Amino acid sequence: MNLRHAVMVGLMGRHADRFHEYHPARSLAERLDAVRRVPSAQGIEVVYPQDYGDSLERASRDIRASGLPVSAINLNVKTEKIWQEGSFTAADAAVRARAVANLKVAMDLAAEFDAWMVTCCPLIDGHNYSFQVDYLQQWGWLEASIAEAAGYRADVRISLEYKLNESRNYCVLGDMGRALYLCEHLNMPNVGVTMDFGHALIAKETPAEALALAHQAGRLLYVHLNDNAREWDWDMIPGSVCFWDLIEMLYYMDRIGWDGWVAYDVNSRQSNPEESMSATIATVQAAERLLDRFGRERIAAFIAEGNPAVSFTQLFQALL
């Protein structure tokens, strides 16, 4: 397996929560410089419109000057005031049209940088309370919005990232099952799924199983790696909590011959962004070496036998 490692540019700058600011804001050029200081970083995931600021031309020039390949354009349709009541599923048709228009711009940017991939997590689309939205209508709006954008450019893939909750208590695209249902119902070859390890955890999914399902459906387009304790999307260093889940997912990525990008959606409150991303990629590379030590055939034999008492005894012994 030869993973291609990409860093989300936005995570190399300001990081704050409700109580503290852990890292100050940086310009796009400063964040791109920070990525170049991360060993083994091979590409960047760029967020539109936030990373572009007030000038598409200037931002594009900075991105090209960095010399870093773009793995994907990440469309953000959640933080601006216009999206407060939804984006692709907003009751206001003009807002839905604006979301689709932004997606089309992101698709053009993805083509400009030879990424040919837009990833989007529609976090503002969903509901908080019973009787708040018309579920039939809302799902129809989601399908119509994605279908219009996908039809705009067949050469650019739209990779939809699901998440159980945040910003809505219940996101409309909450798990792998709903994401795959949307893809299959639209039946458009350039629409697929971003497999986010941490989002699978909080949806109480087994990440490797969710990845395998997306692959079998022919809809696996992009991968995000991070970690959490299955209760909230903390975006921690991969393997720092759910170690065996990471090893199992890497095993299946290797088994299906994954040759796409792996992008890192990891925050840090203790280390600076360069340290966090360096540790993130180094940890995943170490996990790959552990997979080599365990041996693919040996793991396949464990799976075939289906006896955890045998498999975990030997897996832990192999760590010594």
C-alpha atoms as a PDB file:
ATOM      1  CA  MET A   1       0.000   0.000   0.000  1.00  0.00           C
ATOM      2  CA  ASN A   2       1.321   3.415  -0.951  1.00  0.00           C
ATOM      3  CA  LEU A   3      -0.794   6.010   0.833  1.00  0.00           C
ATOM      4  CA  ARG A   4      -0.714   9.602  -0.390  1.00  0.00           C
ATOM      5  CA  HIS A   5      -0.860  11.937   2.618  1.00  0.00           C
ATOM      6  CA  ALA A   6      -2.722  15.255   2.416  1.00  0.00           C
ATOM      7  CA  VAL A   7      -3.116  17.949   5.071  1.00  0.00           C
ATOM      8  CA  MET A   8      -6.196  20.124   5.523  1.00  0.00           C
ATOM      9  CA  VAL A   9      -4.799  23.635   5.131  1.00  0.00           C
ATOM     10  CA  GLY A  10      -7.343  25.213   7.462  1.00  0.00           C
ATOM     11  CA  LEU A  11      -6.075  23.158  10.400  1.00  0.00           C
ATOM     12  CA  MET A  12      -2.624  24.726  10.152  1.00  0.00           C
ATOM     13  CA  GLY A  13      -3.908  28.031  11.523  1.00  0.00           C
ATOM     14  CA  ARG A  14      -6.301  29.187  14.212  1.00  0.00           C
ATOM     15  CA  HIS A  15      -7.765  26.611  16.565  1.00  0.00           C
ATOM     16  CA  ALA A  16     -10.189  27.584  19.305  1.00  0.00           C
ATOM     17  CA  ASP A  17     -13.122  26.265  21.283  1.00  0.00           C
ATOM     18  CA  ARG A  18     -15.740  28.014  23.436  1.00  0.00           C
ATOM     19  CA  PHE A  19     -13.172  28.747  26.138  1.00  0.00           C
ATOM     20  CA  HIS A  20      -9.722  29.232  24.650  1.00  0.00           C
ATOM     21  CA  GLU A  21      -7.779  30.068  21.528  1.00  0.00           C
ATOM     22  CA  TYR A  22      -4.993  27.485  21.260  1.00  0.00           C
ATOM     23  CA  HIS A  23      -3.341  28.680  18.055  1.00  0.00           C
ATOM     24  CA  PRO A  24      -3.571  32.104  16.416  1.00  0.00           C
ATOM     25  CA  ALA A  25      -4.828  32.851  12.929  1.00  0.00           C
ATOM     26  CA  ARG A  26      -2.414  32.574  10.003  1.00  0.00           C
ATOM     27  CA  SER A  27      -2.677  33.770   6.447  1.00  0.00           C
ATOM     28  CA  LEU A  28      -3.106  31.208   3.672  1.00  0.00           C
ATOM     29  CA  ALA A  29       0.534  31.677   2.652  1.00  0.00           C
ATOM     30  CA  GLU A  30       1.655  31.058   6.238  1.00  0.00           C
ATOM     31  CA  ARG A  31      -0.467  27.920   6.508  1.00  0.00           C
ATOM     32  CA  LEU A  32       0.910  26.595   3.230  1.00  0.00           C
ATOM     33  CA  ASP A  33       4.437  27.219   4.515  1.00  0.00           C
ATOM     34  CA  ALA A  34       3.504  25.278   7.644  1.00  0.00           C
ATOM     35  CA  VAL A  35       2.370  22.297   5.560  1.00  0.00           C
ATOM     36  CA  ARG A  36       5.731  22.276   3.785  1.00  0.00           C
ATOM     37  CA  ARG A  37       7.384  21.848   7.199  1.00  0.00           C
ATOM     38  CA  VAL A  38       5.431  18.617   7.807  1.00  0.00           C
ATOM     39  CA  PRO A  39       7.554  15.588   6.834  1.00  0.00           C
ATOM     40  CA  SER A  40       5.823  13.203   4.403  1.00  0.00           C
ATOM     41  CA  ALA A  41       3.001  15.658   3.616  1.00  0.00           C
ATOM     42  CA  GLN A  42       2.404  15.210  -0.104  1.00  0.00           C
ATOM     43  CA  GLY A  43      -0.683  17.316  -0.774  1.00  0.00           C
ATOM     44  CA  ILE A  44      -3.262  19.714   0.590  1.00  0.00           C
ATOM     45  CA  GLU A  45      -7.028  19.800   0.998  1.00  0.00           C
ATOM     46  CA  VAL A  46      -8.206  23.376   0.472  1.00  0.00           C
ATOM     47  CA  VAL A  47     -11.474  24.760   1.842  1.00  0.00           C
ATOM     48  CA  TYR A  48     -13.660  26.978  -0.322  1.00  0.00           C
ATOM     49  CA  PRO A  49     -14.513  29.747   0.344  1.00  0.00           C
ATOM     50  CA  GLN A  50     -12.717  30.153   3.693  1.00  0.00           C
ATOM     51  CA  ASP A  51      -9.155  29.437   2.518  1.00  0.00           C
ATOM     52  CA  TYR A  52      -9.634  31.704  -0.489  1.00  0.00           C
ATOM     53  CA  GLY A  53     -10.468  34.832   1.486  1.00  0.00           C
ATOM     54  CA  ASP A  54     -11.518  37.827  -0.606  1.00  0.00           C
ATOM     55  CA  SER A  55      -9.488  36.966  -3.714  1.00  0.00           C
ATOM     56  CA  LEU A  56      -9.713  33.718  -5.665  1.00  0.00           C
ATOM     57  CA  GLU A  57      -6.867  34.882  -7.891  1.00  0.00           C
ATOM     58  CA  ARG A  58      -4.459  35.655  -5.038  1.00  0.00           C
ATOM     59  CA  ALA A  59      -5.294  32.429  -3.188  1.00  0.00           C
ATOM     60  CA  SER A  60      -4.839  30.350  -6.340  1.00  0.00           C
ATOM     61  CA  ARG A  61      -1.474  32.028  -6.897  1.00  0.00           C
ATOM     62  CA  ASP A  62      -0.380  31.178  -3.319  1.00  0.00           C
ATOM     63  CA  ILE A  63      -1.525  27.578  -3.706  1.00  0.00           C
ATOM     64  CA  ARG A  64       0.399  27.163  -6.965  1.00  0.00           C
ATOM     65  CA  ALA A  65       3.488  28.797  -5.466  1.00  0.00           C
ATOM     66  CA  SER A  66       3.475  26.266  -2.624  1.00  0.00           C
ATOM     67  CA  GLY A  67       4.203  23.465  -5.076  1.00  0.00           C
ATOM     68  CA  LEU A  68       1.827  21.193  -3.157  1.00  0.00           C
ATOM     69  CA  PRO A  69      -0.675  19.101  -5.158  1.00  0.00           C
ATOM     70  CA  VAL A  70      -4.337  19.646  -4.238  1.00  0.00           C
ATOM     71  CA  SER A  71      -6.006  16.412  -3.147  1.00  0.00           C
ATOM     72  CA  ALA A  72      -9.507  17.931  -3.019  1.00  0.00           C
ATOM     73  CA  ILE A  73     -11.450  21.148  -2.643  1.00  0.00           C
ATOM     74  CA  ASN A  74     -13.504  21.003   0.542  1.00  0.00           C
ATOM     75  CA  LEU A  75     -16.757  22.948   0.219  1.00  0.00           C
ATOM     76  CA  ASN A  76     -17.853  24.696   3.419  1.00  0.00           C
ATOM     77  CA  VAL A  77     -21.572  25.503   3.465  1.00  0.00           C
ATOM     78  CA  LYS A  78     -22.155  25.895   7.183  1.00  0.00           C
ATOM     79  CA  THR A  79     -20.315  28.769   8.885  1.00  0.00           C
ATOM     80  CA  GLU A  80     -21.565  31.862   7.089  1.00  0.00           C
ATOM     81  CA  LYS A  81     -24.779  33.558   8.253  1.00  0.00           C
ATOM     82  CA  ILE A  82     -26.616  32.640   5.047  1.00  0.00           C
ATOM     83  CA  TRP A  83     -26.449  28.931   5.985  1.00  0.00           C
ATOM     84  CA  GLN A  84     -27.953  29.319   9.446  1.00  0.00           C
ATOM     85  CA  GLU A  85     -31.202  27.581   8.423  1.00  0.00           C
ATOM     86  CA  GLY A  86     -29.602  25.062   6.045  1.00  0.00           C
ATOM     87  CA  SER A  87     -27.712  24.914   2.772  1.00  0.00           C
ATOM     88  CA  PHE A  88     -28.741  22.230   0.266  1.00  0.00           C
ATOM     89  CA  THR A  89     -31.960  21.667   2.245  1.00  0.00           C
ATOM     90  CA  ALA A  90     -32.781  25.247   3.272  1.00  0.00           C
ATOM     91  CA  ALA A  91     -36.469  26.078   2.989  1.00  0.00           C
ATOM     92  CA  ASP A  92     -35.513  29.220   1.048  1.00  0.00           C
ATOM     93  CA  ALA A  93     -34.994  28.226  -2.602  1.00  0.00           C
ATOM     94  CA  ALA A  94     -32.559  31.106  -3.095  1.00  0.00           C
ATOM     95  CA  VAL A  95     -30.313  29.753  -0.337  1.00  0.00           C
ATOM     96  CA  ARG A  96     -30.387  26.259  -1.865  1.00  0.00           C
ATOM     97  CA  ALA A  97     -29.457  27.793  -5.215  1.00  0.00           C
ATOM     98  CA  ARG A  98     -26.540  29.624  -3.581  1.00  0.00           C
ATOM     99  CA  ALA A  99     -25.284  26.345  -2.065  1.00  0.00           C
ATOM    100  CA  VAL A 100     -25.427  24.635  -5.458  1.00  0.00           C
ATOM    101  CA  ALA A 101     -23.676  27.613  -7.079  1.00  0.00           C
ATOM    102  CA  ASN A 102     -20.886  27.410  -4.507  1.00  0.00           C
ATOM    103  CA  LEU A 103     -20.539  23.682  -5.149  1.00  0.00           C
ATOM    104  CA  LYS A 104     -20.149  24.391  -8.858  1.00  0.00           C
ATOM    105  CA  VAL A 105     -17.418  26.954  -8.128  1.00  0.00           C
ATOM    106  CA  ALA A 106     -15.651  24.370  -5.963  1.00  0.00           C
ATOM    107  CA  MET A 107     -15.881  21.881  -8.832  1.00  0.00           C
ATOM    108  CA  ASP A 108     -14.266  24.385 -11.200  1.00  0.00           C
ATOM    109  CA  LEU A 109     -11.478  24.996  -8.670  1.00  0.00           C
ATOM    110  CA  ALA A 110     -10.933  21.240  -8.308  1.00  0.00           C
ATOM    111  CA  ALA A 111     -10.497  20.998 -12.078  1.00  0.00           C
ATOM    112  CA  GLU A 112      -8.188  24.025 -12.113  1.00  0.00           C
ATOM    113  CA  PHE A 113      -5.813  22.280  -9.714  1.00  0.00           C
ATOM    114  CA  ASP A 114      -6.116  18.823 -11.309  1.00  0.00           C
ATOM    115  CA  ALA A 115      -7.736  17.469  -8.154  1.00  0.00           C
ATOM    116  CA  TRP A 116     -11.027  16.553  -9.884  1.00  0.00           C
ATOM    117  CA  MET A 117     -12.549  16.053  -6.429  1.00  0.00           C
ATOM    118  CA  VAL A 118     -14.829  18.104  -4.188  1.00  0.00           C
ATOM    119  CA  THR A 119     -15.582  16.823  -0.724  1.00  0.00           C
ATOM    120  CA  CYS A 120     -18.469  18.291   1.265  1.00  0.00           C
ATOM    121  CA  CYS A 121     -19.971  17.549   4.669  1.00  0.00           C
ATOM    122  CA  PRO A 122     -23.453  19.178   4.756  1.00  0.00           C
ATOM    123  CA  LEU A 123     -23.418  19.677   8.520  1.00  0.00           C
ATOM    124  CA  ILE A 124     -25.991  22.468   8.613  1.00  0.00           C
ATOM    125  CA  ASP A 125     -28.595  20.290   6.875  1.00  0.00           C
ATOM    126  CA  GLY A 126     -30.771  18.319   9.260  1.00  0.00           C
ATOM    127  CA  HIS A 127     -32.926  19.110  12.277  1.00  0.00           C
ATOM    128  CA  ASN A 128     -32.799  19.713  16.023  1.00  0.00           C
ATOM    129  CA  TYR A 129     -36.372  18.963  17.150  1.00  0.00           C
ATOM    130  CA  SER A 130     -39.297  16.776  16.233  1.00  0.00           C
ATOM    131  CA  PHE A 131     -41.789  18.523  13.912  1.00  0.00           C
ATOM    132  CA  GLN A 132     -39.115  21.030  12.870  1.00  0.00           C
ATOM    133  CA  VAL A 133     -38.732  19.964   9.218  1.00  0.00           C
ATOM    134  CA  ASP A 134     -40.589  18.006   6.569  1.00  0.00           C
ATOM    135  CA  TYR A 135     -38.328  14.974   6.139  1.00  0.00           C
ATOM    136  CA  LEU A 136     -39.763  14.000   2.759  1.00  0.00           C
ATOM    137  CA  GLN A 137     -39.314  17.503   1.412  1.00  0.00           C
ATOM    138  CA  GLN A 138     -35.867  17.926   2.953  1.00  0.00           C
ATOM    139  CA  TRP A 139     -34.484  14.746   1.423  1.00  0.00           C
ATOM    140  CA  GLY A 140     -35.917  15.729  -1.945  1.00  0.00           C
ATOM    141  CA  TRP A 141     -34.145  19.080  -1.773  1.00  0.00           C
ATOM    142  CA  LEU A 142     -30.872  17.350  -0.907  1.00  0.00           C
ATOM    143  CA  GLU A 143     -31.166  14.997  -3.874  1.00  0.00           C
ATOM    144  CA  ALA A 144     -32.123  17.783  -6.275  1.00  0.00           C
ATOM    145  CA  SER A 145     -29.232  20.001  -5.133  1.00  0.00           C
ATOM    146  CA  ILE A 146     -26.549  17.330  -5.448  1.00  0.00           C
ATOM    147  CA  ALA A 147     -27.967  16.089  -8.750  1.00  0.00           C
ATOM    148  CA  GLU A 148     -27.868  19.583 -10.274  1.00  0.00           C
ATOM    149  CA  ALA A 149     -24.241  20.097  -9.262  1.00  0.00           C
ATOM    150  CA  ALA A 150     -23.171  16.610 -10.364  1.00  0.00           C
ATOM    151  CA  GLY A 151     -24.739  17.239 -13.766  1.00  0.00           C
ATOM    152  CA  TYR A 152     -22.767  20.466 -14.134  1.00  0.00           C
ATOM    153  CA  ARG A 153     -19.429  18.665 -14.596  1.00  0.00           C
ATOM    154  CA  ALA A 154     -19.253  14.925 -15.101  1.00  0.00           C
ATOM    155  CA  ASP A 155     -15.441  15.095 -14.946  1.00  0.00           C
ATOM    156  CA  VAL A 156     -15.364  16.271 -11.306  1.00  0.00           C
ATOM    157  CA  ARG A 157     -16.367  13.918  -8.521  1.00  0.00           C
ATOM    158  CA  ILE A 158     -18.488  15.018  -5.558  1.00  0.00           C
ATOM    159  CA  SER A 159     -17.554  13.121  -2.404  1.00  0.00           C
ATOM    160  CA  LEU A 160     -20.165  13.515   0.338  1.00  0.00           C
ATOM    161  CA  GLU A 161     -18.994  13.257   3.934  1.00  0.00           C
ATOM    162  CA  TYR A 162     -21.527  12.039   6.461  1.00  0.00           C
ATOM    163  CA  LYS A 163     -21.690  12.898  10.154  1.00  0.00           C
ATOM    164  CA  LEU A 164     -24.165  11.935  12.867  1.00  0.00           C
ATOM    165  CA  ASN A 165     -24.498  15.399  14.403  1.00  0.00           C
ATOM    166  CA  GLU A 166     -22.987  18.891  14.596  1.00  0.00           C
ATOM    167  CA  SER A 167     -24.005  21.485  13.603  1.00  0.00           C
ATOM    168  CA  ARG A 168     -27.490  19.951  13.708  1.00  0.00           C
ATOM    169  CA  ASN A 169     -28.513  17.578  16.488  1.00  0.00           C
ATOM    170  CA  TYR A 170     -29.426  15.179  13.661  1.00  0.00           C
ATOM    171  CA  CYS A 171     -27.638  15.685  10.339  1.00  0.00           C
ATOM    172  CA  VAL A 172     -29.606  14.645   7.256  1.00  0.00           C
ATOM    173  CA  LEU A 173     -26.574  12.678   6.005  1.00  0.00           C
ATOM    174  CA  GLY A 174     -25.823  10.992   9.317  1.00  0.00           C
ATOM    175  CA  ASP A 175     -24.206   7.652   8.486  1.00  0.00           C
ATOM    176  CA  MET A 176     -22.765   5.483   5.751  1.00  0.00           C
ATOM    177  CA  GLY A 177     -26.119   3.856   5.011  1.00  0.00           C
ATOM    178  CA  ARG A 178     -27.819   7.153   4.217  1.00  0.00           C
ATOM    179  CA  ALA A 179     -24.816   8.390   2.234  1.00  0.00           C
ATOM    180  CA  LEU A 180     -24.828   5.247   0.082  1.00  0.00           C
ATOM    181  CA  TYR A 181     -28.612   5.390  -0.308  1.00  0.00           C
ATOM    182  CA  LEU A 182     -28.299   8.931  -1.666  1.00  0.00           C
ATOM    183  CA  CYS A 183     -25.560   7.877  -4.089  1.00  0.00           C
ATOM    184  CA  GLU A 184     -27.493   4.882  -5.356  1.00  0.00           C
ATOM    185  CA  HIS A 185     -30.772   6.769  -5.625  1.00  0.00           C
ATOM    186  CA  LEU A 186     -29.132   9.536  -7.667  1.00  0.00           C
ATOM    187  CA  ASN A 187     -27.303   6.933  -9.768  1.00  0.00           C
ATOM    188  CA  MET A 188     -24.721   9.442 -10.975  1.00  0.00           C
ATOM    189  CA  PRO A 189     -21.206   8.042 -11.454  1.00  0.00           C
ATOM    190  CA  ASN A 190     -19.425  11.142 -10.137  1.00  0.00           C
ATOM    191  CA  VAL A 191     -21.183  11.129  -6.732  1.00  0.00           C
ATOM    192  CA  GLY A 192     -19.619   9.129  -3.910  1.00  0.00           C
ATOM    193  CA  VAL A 193     -18.626   9.114  -0.247  1.00  0.00           C
ATOM    194  CA  THR A 194     -15.813  10.502   1.883  1.00  0.00           C
ATOM    195  CA  MET A 195     -15.008   7.921   4.544  1.00  0.00           C
ATOM    196  CA  ASP A 196     -14.138   9.878   7.693  1.00  0.00           C
ATOM    197  CA  PHE A 197     -12.785   7.526  10.360  1.00  0.00           C
ATOM    198  CA  GLY A 198     -13.930   9.684  13.275  1.00  0.00           C
ATOM    199  CA  HIS A 199     -17.405  10.217  11.844  1.00  0.00           C
ATOM    200  CA  ALA A 200     -17.827   6.466  11.494  1.00  0.00           C
ATOM    201  CA  LEU A 201     -16.874   6.077  15.169  1.00  0.00           C
ATOM    202  CA  ILE A 202     -19.464   8.551  16.473  1.00  0.00           C
ATOM    203  CA  ALA A 203     -22.105   6.920  14.256  1.00  0.00           C
ATOM    204  CA  LYS A 204     -21.256   3.694  16.165  1.00  0.00           C
ATOM    205  CA  GLU A 205     -20.027   2.097  12.959  1.00  0.00           C
ATOM    206  CA  THR A 206     -17.005  -0.156  12.559  1.00  0.00           C
ATOM    207  CA  PRO A 207     -14.807   1.996  10.292  1.00  0.00           C
ATOM    208  CA  ALA A 208     -13.359  -0.924   8.321  1.00  0.00           C
ATOM    209  CA  GLU A 209     -16.840  -2.308   7.685  1.00  0.00           C
ATOM    210  CA  ALA A 210     -18.155   1.079   6.544  1.00  0.00           C
ATOM    211  CA  LEU A 211     -15.154   1.453   4.227  1.00  0.00           C
ATOM    212  CA  ALA A 212     -15.752  -2.029   2.790  1.00  0.00           C
ATOM    213  CA  LEU A 213     -19.424  -1.248   2.130  1.00  0.00           C
ATOM    214  CA  ALA A 214     -18.566   1.978   0.310  1.00  0.00           C
ATOM    215  CA  HIS A 215     -15.980   0.121  -1.761  1.00  0.00           C
ATOM    216  CA  GLN A 216     -18.393  -2.688  -2.632  1.00  0.00           C
ATOM    217  CA  ALA A 217     -20.946  -0.083  -3.718  1.00  0.00           C
ATOM    218  CA  GLY A 218     -18.308   1.525  -5.940  1.00  0.00           C
ATOM    219  CA  ARG A 219     -18.750   4.833  -4.106  1.00  0.00           C
ATOM    220  CA  LEU A 220     -15.574   5.195  -2.030  1.00  0.00           C
ATOM    221  CA  LEU A 221     -13.888   8.370  -3.297  1.00  0.00           C
ATOM    222  CA  TYR A 222     -11.884   9.889  -0.451  1.00  0.00           C
ATOM    223  CA  VAL A 223     -10.635   9.127   3.075  1.00  0.00           C
ATOM    224  CA  HIS A 224     -10.192  11.273   6.184  1.00  0.00           C
ATOM    225  CA  LEU A 225      -8.236   9.881   9.141  1.00  0.00           C
ATOM    226  CA  ASN A 226      -8.479  11.093  12.742  1.00  0.00           C
ATOM    227  CA  ASP A 227      -9.705   9.580  16.027  1.00  0.00           C
ATOM    228  CA  ASN A 228     -12.065   9.977  18.972  1.00  0.00           C
ATOM    229  CA  ALA A 229     -13.626   7.947  21.781  1.00  0.00           C
ATOM    230  CA  ARG A 230     -16.887   7.335  19.844  1.00  0.00           C
ATOM    231  CA  GLU A 231     -18.827  10.051  21.640  1.00  0.00           C
ATOM    232  CA  TRP A 232     -17.705  13.323  19.988  1.00  0.00           C
ATOM    233  CA  ASP A 233     -15.682  14.375  16.961  1.00  0.00           C
ATOM    234  CA  TRP A 234     -12.478  15.381  18.724  1.00  0.00           C
ATOM    235  CA  ASP A 235     -10.262  14.983  15.616  1.00  0.00           C
ATOM    236  CA  MET A 236      -7.402  13.372  17.527  1.00  0.00           C
ATOM    237  CA  ILE A 237      -4.250  11.719  16.188  1.00  0.00           C
ATOM    238  CA  PRO A 238      -5.217   8.464  14.369  1.00  0.00           C
ATOM    239  CA  GLY A 239      -4.758   5.365  16.505  1.00  0.00           C
ATOM    240  CA  SER A 240      -4.363   7.323  19.745  1.00  0.00           C
ATOM    241  CA  VAL A 241      -7.698   5.973  21.009  1.00  0.00           C
ATOM    242  CA  CYS A 242      -9.137   3.369  18.640  1.00  0.00           C
ATOM    243  CA  PHE A 243      -5.866   1.664  17.787  1.00  0.00           C
ATOM    244  CA  TRP A 244      -7.162  -1.670  16.519  1.00  0.00           C
ATOM    245  CA  ASP A 245      -9.885   0.038  14.468  1.00  0.00           C
ATOM    246  CA  LEU A 246      -7.141   1.949  12.656  1.00  0.00           C
ATOM    247  CA  ILE A 247      -5.115  -1.215  11.999  1.00  0.00           C
ATOM    248  CA  GLU A 248      -8.219  -3.015  10.720  1.00  0.00           C
ATOM    249  CA  MET A 249      -9.152  -0.139   8.423  1.00  0.00           C
ATOM    250  CA  LEU A 250      -5.621   0.021   6.993  1.00  0.00           C
ATOM    251  CA  TYR A 251      -5.806  -3.728   6.414  1.00  0.00           C
ATOM    252  CA  TYR A 252      -8.980  -3.310   4.361  1.00  0.00           C
ATOM    253  CA  MET A 253      -7.614  -0.276   2.526  1.00  0.00           C
ATOM    254  CA  ASP A 254      -4.676  -2.432   1.516  1.00  0.00           C
ATOM    255  CA  ARG A 255      -6.943  -5.340   0.640  1.00  0.00           C
ATOM    256  CA  ILE A 256      -9.110  -3.284  -1.721  1.00  0.00           C
ATOM    257  CA  GLY A 257      -6.021  -1.675  -3.265  1.00  0.00           C
ATOM    258  CA  TRP A 258      -6.826   1.868  -2.155  1.00  0.00           C
ATOM    259  CA  ASP A 259      -4.809   4.276  -4.299  1.00  0.00           C
ATOM    260  CA  GLY A 260      -6.589   7.542  -3.502  1.00  0.00           C
ATOM    261  CA  TRP A 261      -5.629  10.264  -1.071  1.00  0.00           C
ATOM    262  CA  VAL A 262      -5.769  10.069   2.705  1.00  0.00           C
ATOM    263  CA  ALA A 263      -6.363  13.517   4.192  1.00  0.00           C
ATOM    264  CA  TYR A 264      -5.899  14.341   7.849  1.00  0.00           C
ATOM    265  CA  ASP A 265      -8.627  16.133   9.759  1.00  0.00           C
ATOM    266  CA  VAL A 266      -6.705  16.488  13.045  1.00  0.00           C
ATOM    267  CA  ASN A 267      -6.745  19.319  15.582  1.00  0.00           C
ATOM    268  CA  SER A 268      -4.411  19.960  18.479  1.00  0.00           C
ATOM    269  CA  ARG A 269      -4.817  21.821  21.718  1.00  0.00           C
ATOM    270  CA  GLN A 270      -1.391  20.913  23.111  1.00  0.00           C
ATOM    271  CA  SER A 271       1.072  20.801  20.195  1.00  0.00           C
ATOM    272  CA  ASN A 272       1.439  23.326  17.408  1.00  0.00           C
ATOM    273  CA  PRO A 273      -0.174  22.394  14.066  1.00  0.00           C
ATOM    274  CA  GLU A 274       3.110  21.336  12.457  1.00  0.00           C
ATOM    275  CA  GLU A 275       3.879  18.960  15.344  1.00  0.00           C
ATOM    276  CA  SER A 276       0.364  17.537  15.316  1.00  0.00           C
ATOM    277  CA  MET A 277       0.330  16.850  11.580  1.00  0.00           C
ATOM    278  CA  SER A 278       3.868  15.454  11.643  1.00  0.00           C
ATOM    279  CA  ALA A 279       2.884  13.082  14.446  1.00  0.00           C
ATOM    280  CA  THR A 280      -0.311  12.177  12.610  1.00  0.00           C
ATOM    281  CA  ILE A 281       1.405  11.064   9.411  1.00  0.00           C
ATOM    282  CA  ALA A 282       4.258   9.369  11.314  1.00  0.00           C
ATOM    283  CA  THR A 283       1.708   7.427  13.381  1.00  0.00           C
ATOM    284  CA  VAL A 284      -0.153   6.180  10.308  1.00  0.00           C
ATOM    285  CA  GLN A 285       3.132   5.185   8.673  1.00  0.00           C
ATOM    286  CA  ALA A 286       4.077   3.276  11.842  1.00  0.00           C
ATOM    287  CA  ALA A 287       0.668   1.571  11.776  1.00  0.00           C
ATOM    288  CA  GLU A 288       1.392   0.504   8.178  1.00  0.00           C
ATOM    289  CA  ARG A 289       4.668  -1.043   9.331  1.00  0.00           C
ATOM    290  CA  LEU A 290       2.822  -2.870  12.103  1.00  0.00           C
ATOM    291  CA  LEU A 291       0.469  -4.253   9.473  1.00  0.00           C
ATOM    292  CA  ASP A 292       3.537  -5.543   7.652  1.00  0.00           C
ATOM    293  CA  ARG A 293       4.777  -7.136  10.868  1.00  0.00           C
ATOM    294  CA  PHE A 294       1.450  -8.840  11.538  1.00  0.00           C
ATOM    295  CA  GLY A 295       1.293 -10.068   7.953  1.00  0.00           C
ATOM    296  CA  ARG A 296      -1.748  -9.826   5.670  1.00  0.00           C
ATOM    297  CA  GLU A 297      -2.049 -13.586   5.281  1.00  0.00           C
ATOM    298  CA  ARG A 298      -1.928 -14.042   9.038  1.00  0.00           C
ATOM    299  CA  ILE A 299      -4.694 -11.495   9.577  1.00  0.00           C
ATOM    300  CA  ALA A 300      -6.750 -13.141   6.837  1.00  0.00           C
ATOM    301  CA  ALA A 301      -6.354 -16.436   8.682  1.00  0.00           C
ATOM    302  CA  PHE A 302      -7.565 -14.823  11.927  1.00  0.00           C
ATOM    303  CA  ILE A 303     -10.645 -13.514  10.132  1.00  0.00           C
ATOM    304  CA  ALA A 304     -11.326 -16.901   8.547  1.00  0.00           C
ATOM    305  CA  GLU A 305     -11.059 -18.643  11.913  1.00  0.00           C
ATOM    306  CA  GLY A 306     -13.189 -16.036  13.683  1.00  0.00           C
ATOM    307  CA  ASN A 307     -11.740 -16.700  17.131  1.00  0.00           C
ATOM    308  CA  PRO A 308     -10.810 -13.431  18.928  1.00  0.00           C
ATOM    309  CA  ALA A 309      -9.083 -15.339  21.749  1.00  0.00           C
ATOM    310  CA  VAL A 310      -6.556 -16.659  19.250  1.00  0.00           C
ATOM    311  CA  SER A 311      -6.219 -13.552  17.084  1.00  0.00           C
ATOM    312  CA  PHE A 312      -5.741 -10.979  19.834  1.00  0.00           C
ATOM    313  CA  THR A 313      -3.324 -13.157  21.780  1.00  0.00           C
ATOM    314  CA  GLN A 314      -1.093 -13.322  18.719  1.00  0.00           C
ATOM    315  CA  LEU A 315      -1.650  -9.706  17.661  1.00  0.00           C
ATOM    316  CA  PHE A 316      -0.546  -8.391  21.070  1.00  0.00           C
ATOM    317  CA  GLN A 317       2.425 -10.757  21.139  1.00  0.00           C
ATOM    318  CA  ALA A 318       3.480  -9.373  17.760  1.00  0.00           C
ATOM    319  CA  LEU A 319       3.702  -5.908  19.335  1.00  0.00           C
ATOM    320  CA  LEU A 320       6.404  -7.051  21.768  1.00  0.00           C
END
